[in-house]
Amino acid sequence: MEPTRRASAAIPMEFMTTPEVCDGCGLCVVSCREALHLGPDQAPGIQIVTIGDRHIPIVCHNCEDAPCITACMPGCRHRDEASGRIVTDYERCVGCWMCVMMCPFGAIQRIPTAEGEHHGVALKCDSCLDKEIVPCIAACKPHGLKEVNPIDVSSLKRLQAAQRFAPGGDGKP
């Protein structure tokens, strides 16, 4: 059974990607398209970039000091108070692409309209806040995508480091 979401504005759940586990199958992309009712030629909120033999899921990291919010001239990108996630009011987006240029992870896509390149919206993952379980995470069979509590991940990483350097661990001293 998939875990339910426990996001709060104080400590929002975060998407964690594990490129070494991702097999590039694209099921996360397909499930995102289905959840957003997008066609096959429309960019979803997640993409997979392949570099050599590694597949890297690219998704919004909901940065604490989000440059996409600061760069958004019409103010359509903001932090949702209930979840702590960065969301977009696409009715207000003018397609200036400033957020696309400022995103350090390349997680915002330019979606031009039929009128041409200077119109459209800047699409990013809005975390499917209307769903109990995130479709892309549920679709990820190798578990290269997870929704995690950052405090739990930080605690686990510290424990792993301590075990590695403890006498008898694989650290030397």
C-alpha atoms as a PDB file:
ATOM      1  CA  MET A   1       0.000   0.000   0.000  1.00  0.00           C
ATOM      2  CA  GLU A   2       1.302   3.427  -0.933  1.00  0.00           C
ATOM      3  CA  PRO A   3       1.823   5.930   1.900  1.00  0.00           C
ATOM      4  CA  THR A   4      -0.495   8.899   2.087  1.00  0.00           C
ATOM      5  CA  ARG A   5       0.832  12.409   1.961  1.00  0.00           C
ATOM      6  CA  ARG A   6       1.799  14.235   5.154  1.00  0.00           C
ATOM      7  CA  ALA A   7       2.820  17.612   3.793  1.00  0.00           C
ATOM      8  CA  SER A   8       2.616  20.710   5.927  1.00  0.00           C
ATOM      9  CA  ALA A   9       3.818  24.232   5.336  1.00  0.00           C
ATOM     10  CA  ALA A  10       6.283  23.900   8.223  1.00  0.00           C
ATOM     11  CA  ILE A  11       7.972  20.779   6.795  1.00  0.00           C
ATOM     12  CA  PRO A  12       6.695  20.034   3.294  1.00  0.00           C
ATOM     13  CA  MET A  13       7.319  16.612   1.825  1.00  0.00           C
ATOM     14  CA  GLU A  14       9.900  16.707  -0.948  1.00  0.00           C
ATOM     15  CA  PHE A  15      10.403  14.688  -4.093  1.00  0.00           C
ATOM     16  CA  MET A  16      13.666  12.785  -3.981  1.00  0.00           C
ATOM     17  CA  THR A  17      15.153  11.421  -7.172  1.00  0.00           C
ATOM     18  CA  THR A  18      17.681   8.600  -7.242  1.00  0.00           C
ATOM     19  CA  PRO A  19      19.331   8.614 -10.680  1.00  0.00           C
ATOM     20  CA  GLU A  20      21.322   5.449  -9.986  1.00  0.00           C
ATOM     21  CA  VAL A  21      18.013   3.566  -9.564  1.00  0.00           C
ATOM     22  CA  CYS A  22      16.096   5.130 -12.485  1.00  0.00           C
ATOM     23  CA  ASP A  23      15.974   2.799 -15.493  1.00  0.00           C
ATOM     24  CA  GLY A  24      14.573   5.432 -17.875  1.00  0.00           C
ATOM     25  CA  CYS A  25      11.342   3.510 -18.506  1.00  0.00           C
ATOM     26  CA  GLY A  26       9.294   6.732 -18.662  1.00  0.00           C
ATOM     27  CA  LEU A  27       6.298   5.444 -16.688  1.00  0.00           C
ATOM     28  CA  CYS A  28       6.507   8.529 -14.459  1.00  0.00           C
ATOM     29  CA  VAL A  29       6.231  10.763 -17.543  1.00  0.00           C
ATOM     30  CA  VAL A  30       3.259   8.795 -18.901  1.00  0.00           C
ATOM     31  CA  SER A  31       1.439   8.879 -15.550  1.00  0.00           C
ATOM     32  CA  CYS A  32       2.036  12.635 -15.262  1.00  0.00           C
ATOM     33  CA  ARG A  33       0.609  13.197 -18.739  1.00  0.00           C
ATOM     34  CA  GLU A  34      -2.442  11.109 -17.843  1.00  0.00           C
ATOM     35  CA  ALA A  35      -2.947  12.902 -14.504  1.00  0.00           C
ATOM     36  CA  LEU A  36      -2.763  16.308 -16.213  1.00  0.00           C
ATOM     37  CA  HIS A  37      -4.812  15.151 -19.246  1.00  0.00           C
ATOM     38  CA  LEU A  38      -1.997  16.097 -21.623  1.00  0.00           C
ATOM     39  CA  GLY A  39      -1.497  14.832 -25.136  1.00  0.00           C
ATOM     40  CA  PRO A  40       1.645  12.951 -26.239  1.00  0.00           C
ATOM     41  CA  ASP A  41       3.113  16.126 -27.754  1.00  0.00           C
ATOM     42  CA  GLN A  42       2.635  18.205 -24.579  1.00  0.00           C
ATOM     43  CA  ALA A  43       5.382  18.410 -21.947  1.00  0.00           C
ATOM     44  CA  PRO A  44       4.476  16.974 -18.542  1.00  0.00           C
ATOM     45  CA  GLY A  45       5.641  18.239 -15.136  1.00  0.00           C
ATOM     46  CA  ILE A  46       8.430  15.637 -15.041  1.00  0.00           C
ATOM     47  CA  GLN A  47      10.999  14.675 -17.624  1.00  0.00           C
ATOM     48  CA  ILE A  48      13.832  12.192 -17.821  1.00  0.00           C
ATOM     49  CA  VAL A  49      17.213  13.367 -19.068  1.00  0.00           C
ATOM     50  CA  THR A  50      19.626  10.674 -20.219  1.00  0.00           C
ATOM     51  CA  ILE A  51      23.357  11.304 -19.975  1.00  0.00           C
ATOM     52  CA  GLY A  52      25.420   8.352 -21.082  1.00  0.00           C
ATOM     53  CA  ASP A  53      23.873   5.324 -19.412  1.00  0.00           C
ATOM     54  CA  ARG A  54      22.326   7.305 -16.532  1.00  0.00           C
ATOM     55  CA  HIS A  55      18.719   8.450 -16.445  1.00  0.00           C
ATOM     56  CA  ILE A  56      17.933  11.492 -14.322  1.00  0.00           C
ATOM     57  CA  PRO A  57      14.334  12.367 -13.394  1.00  0.00           C
ATOM     58  CA  ILE A  58      13.922  16.153 -13.498  1.00  0.00           C
ATOM     59  CA  VAL A  59      11.174  17.509 -11.271  1.00  0.00           C
ATOM     60  CA  CYS A  60      10.568  20.680  -9.251  1.00  0.00           C
ATOM     61  CA  HIS A  61      12.489  20.721  -5.969  1.00  0.00           C
ATOM     62  CA  ASN A  62      10.240  23.352  -4.352  1.00  0.00           C
ATOM     63  CA  CYS A  63      13.297  25.364  -3.350  1.00  0.00           C
ATOM     64  CA  GLU A  64      13.138  27.094   0.014  1.00  0.00           C
ATOM     65  CA  ASP A  65      14.349  30.367  -1.508  1.00  0.00           C
ATOM     66  CA  ALA A  66      12.754  29.729  -4.901  1.00  0.00           C
ATOM     67  CA  PRO A  67      14.278  31.813  -7.719  1.00  0.00           C
ATOM     68  CA  CYS A  68      11.264  31.056  -9.942  1.00  0.00           C
ATOM     69  CA  ILE A  69       8.988  32.916  -7.515  1.00  0.00           C
ATOM     70  CA  THR A  70      11.307  35.918  -7.365  1.00  0.00           C
ATOM     71  CA  ALA A  71      11.660  36.011 -11.166  1.00  0.00           C
ATOM     72  CA  CYS A  72       7.926  35.694 -11.891  1.00  0.00           C
ATOM     73  CA  MET A  73       6.935  39.159 -13.093  1.00  0.00           C
ATOM     74  CA  PRO A  74       3.125  38.645 -13.097  1.00  0.00           C
ATOM     75  CA  GLY A  75       3.304  36.932  -9.683  1.00  0.00           C
ATOM     76  CA  CYS A  76       1.564  33.758 -10.826  1.00  0.00           C
ATOM     77  CA  ARG A  77       4.118  31.457  -9.165  1.00  0.00           C
ATOM     78  CA  HIS A  78       3.831  31.336  -5.382  1.00  0.00           C
ATOM     79  CA  ARG A  79       4.186  29.042  -2.390  1.00  0.00           C
ATOM     80  CA  ASP A  80       0.998  27.258  -1.352  1.00  0.00           C
ATOM     81  CA  GLU A  81       0.498  28.041   2.338  1.00  0.00           C
ATOM     82  CA  ALA A  82      -1.130  24.704   3.189  1.00  0.00           C
ATOM     83  CA  SER A  83       1.451  22.405   1.591  1.00  0.00           C
ATOM     84  CA  GLY A  84       4.575  24.564   1.307  1.00  0.00           C
ATOM     85  CA  ARG A  85       4.814  23.635  -2.409  1.00  0.00           C
ATOM     86  CA  ILE A  86       5.420  26.084  -5.231  1.00  0.00           C
ATOM     87  CA  VAL A  87       2.301  26.312  -7.375  1.00  0.00           C
ATOM     88  CA  THR A  88       1.355  28.270 -10.476  1.00  0.00           C
ATOM     89  CA  ASP A  89      -1.740  30.210 -11.453  1.00  0.00           C
ATOM     90  CA  TYR A  90      -1.601  29.437 -15.189  1.00  0.00           C
ATOM     91  CA  GLU A  91      -4.378  31.933 -15.913  1.00  0.00           C
ATOM     92  CA  ARG A  92      -1.960  34.729 -14.942  1.00  0.00           C
ATOM     93  CA  CYS A  93       1.168  33.318 -16.637  1.00  0.00           C
ATOM     94  CA  VAL A  94       2.179  35.521 -19.578  1.00  0.00           C
ATOM     95  CA  GLY A  95       4.935  33.253 -20.894  1.00  0.00           C
ATOM     96  CA  CYS A  96       7.812  35.621 -20.155  1.00  0.00           C
ATOM     97  CA  TRP A  97       9.983  32.538 -19.386  1.00  0.00           C
ATOM     98  CA  MET A  98      11.873  34.293 -16.568  1.00  0.00           C
ATOM     99  CA  CYS A  99      11.203  31.361 -14.227  1.00  0.00           C
ATOM    100  CA  VAL A 100      12.497  28.949 -16.888  1.00  0.00           C
ATOM    101  CA  MET A 101      15.786  30.841 -17.009  1.00  0.00           C
ATOM    102  CA  MET A 102      16.085  31.041 -13.211  1.00  0.00           C
ATOM    103  CA  CYS A 103      15.285  27.412 -12.261  1.00  0.00           C
ATOM    104  CA  PRO A 104      18.603  25.834 -11.199  1.00  0.00           C
ATOM    105  CA  PHE A 105      17.263  22.328 -11.936  1.00  0.00           C
ATOM    106  CA  GLY A 106      15.761  22.873 -15.390  1.00  0.00           C
ATOM    107  CA  ALA A 107      12.411  21.719 -14.040  1.00  0.00           C
ATOM    108  CA  ILE A 108      10.241  24.367 -15.742  1.00  0.00           C
ATOM    109  CA  GLN A 109       9.189  23.794 -19.350  1.00  0.00           C
ATOM    110  CA  ARG A 110       8.262  26.353 -21.982  1.00  0.00           C
ATOM    111  CA  ILE A 111       4.880  25.442 -23.442  1.00  0.00           C
ATOM    112  CA  PRO A 112       4.209  27.600 -26.516  1.00  0.00           C
ATOM    113  CA  THR A 113       0.669  27.971 -27.816  1.00  0.00           C
ATOM    114  CA  ALA A 114      -0.509  27.739 -31.407  1.00  0.00           C
ATOM    115  CA  GLU A 115       0.098  31.498 -31.760  1.00  0.00           C
ATOM    116  CA  GLY A 116       3.834  31.001 -31.505  1.00  0.00           C
ATOM    117  CA  GLU A 117       6.838  31.080 -29.230  1.00  0.00           C
ATOM    118  CA  HIS A 118       6.058  34.415 -27.513  1.00  0.00           C
ATOM    119  CA  HIS A 119       2.820  33.150 -26.024  1.00  0.00           C
ATOM    120  CA  GLY A 120       2.103  30.255 -23.728  1.00  0.00           C
ATOM    121  CA  VAL A 121       2.913  29.193 -20.211  1.00  0.00           C
ATOM    122  CA  ALA A 122       5.835  27.951 -18.162  1.00  0.00           C
ATOM    123  CA  LEU A 123       4.808  24.520 -16.861  1.00  0.00           C
ATOM    124  CA  LYS A 124       6.308  22.817 -13.838  1.00  0.00           C
ATOM    125  CA  CYS A 125       5.338  20.017 -11.516  1.00  0.00           C
ATOM    126  CA  ASP A 126       2.698  21.262  -9.109  1.00  0.00           C
ATOM    127  CA  SER A 127       3.023  18.069  -7.023  1.00  0.00           C
ATOM    128  CA  CYS A 128      -0.511  16.864  -7.857  1.00  0.00           C
ATOM    129  CA  LEU A 129      -1.728  18.442  -4.624  1.00  0.00           C
ATOM    130  CA  ASP A 130      -5.291  17.428  -5.523  1.00  0.00           C
ATOM    131  CA  LYS A 131      -4.350  13.725  -5.351  1.00  0.00           C
ATOM    132  CA  GLU A 132      -3.817  11.483  -2.336  1.00  0.00           C
ATOM    133  CA  ILE A 133      -0.932   9.650  -4.053  1.00  0.00           C
ATOM    134  CA  VAL A 134       1.385  11.318  -6.573  1.00  0.00           C
ATOM    135  CA  PRO A 135       0.910   9.473  -9.913  1.00  0.00           C
ATOM    136  CA  CYS A 136       4.547   9.661 -11.069  1.00  0.00           C
ATOM    137  CA  ILE A 137       5.802   8.246  -7.770  1.00  0.00           C
ATOM    138  CA  ALA A 138       3.199   5.471  -7.776  1.00  0.00           C
ATOM    139  CA  ALA A 139       4.206   4.558 -11.354  1.00  0.00           C
ATOM    140  CA  CYS A 140       7.944   4.363 -10.609  1.00  0.00           C
ATOM    141  CA  LYS A 141       8.620   0.620 -10.352  1.00  0.00           C
ATOM    142  CA  PRO A 142      12.343   0.837  -9.479  1.00  0.00           C
ATOM    143  CA  HIS A 143      11.568   3.515  -6.838  1.00  0.00           C
ATOM    144  CA  GLY A 144      13.804   6.164  -8.394  1.00  0.00           C
ATOM    145  CA  LEU A 145      11.215   8.757  -7.325  1.00  0.00           C
ATOM    146  CA  LYS A 146      10.016   9.072  -3.759  1.00  0.00           C
ATOM    147  CA  GLU A 147       8.155  11.612  -1.669  1.00  0.00           C
ATOM    148  CA  VAL A 148      10.099  11.994   1.553  1.00  0.00           C
ATOM    149  CA  ASN A 149      10.193  14.004   4.725  1.00  0.00           C
ATOM    150  CA  PRO A 150      13.490  15.955   4.507  1.00  0.00           C
ATOM    151  CA  ILE A 151      14.095  15.597   8.251  1.00  0.00           C
ATOM    152  CA  ASP A 152      13.839  11.796   7.975  1.00  0.00           C
ATOM    153  CA  VAL A 153      16.256  11.767   5.026  1.00  0.00           C
ATOM    154  CA  SER A 154      18.709  14.015   6.868  1.00  0.00           C
ATOM    155  CA  SER A 155      18.580  11.778   9.950  1.00  0.00           C
ATOM    156  CA  LEU A 156      19.115   8.651   7.842  1.00  0.00           C
ATOM    157  CA  LYS A 157      22.102  10.198   6.017  1.00  0.00           C
ATOM    158  CA  ARG A 158      23.710  11.194   9.331  1.00  0.00           C
ATOM    159  CA  LEU A 159      23.160   7.686  10.738  1.00  0.00           C
ATOM    160  CA  GLN A 160      24.691   6.094   7.619  1.00  0.00           C
ATOM    161  CA  ALA A 161      27.726   8.401   7.873  1.00  0.00           C
ATOM    162  CA  ALA A 162      28.162   7.588  11.572  1.00  0.00           C
ATOM    163  CA  GLN A 163      27.969   3.843  10.872  1.00  0.00           C
ATOM    164  CA  ARG A 164      30.473   4.146   8.037  1.00  0.00           C
ATOM    165  CA  PHE A 165      33.050   5.837  10.300  1.00  0.00           C
ATOM    166  CA  ALA A 166      32.358   3.785  13.419  1.00  0.00           C
ATOM    167  CA  PRO A 167      34.960   1.194  14.403  1.00  0.00           C
ATOM    168  CA  GLY A 168      34.346  -1.855  12.215  1.00  0.00           C
ATOM    169  CA  GLY A 169      32.442   0.150   9.595  1.00  0.00           C
ATOM    170  CA  ASP A 170      33.962   0.577   6.165  1.00  0.00           C
ATOM    171  CA  GLY A 171      35.604   3.859   7.254  1.00  0.00           C
ATOM    172  CA  LYS A 172      39.264   3.353   8.192  1.00  0.00           C
ATOM    173  CA  PRO A 173      39.742   4.649  11.779  1.00  0.00           C
END
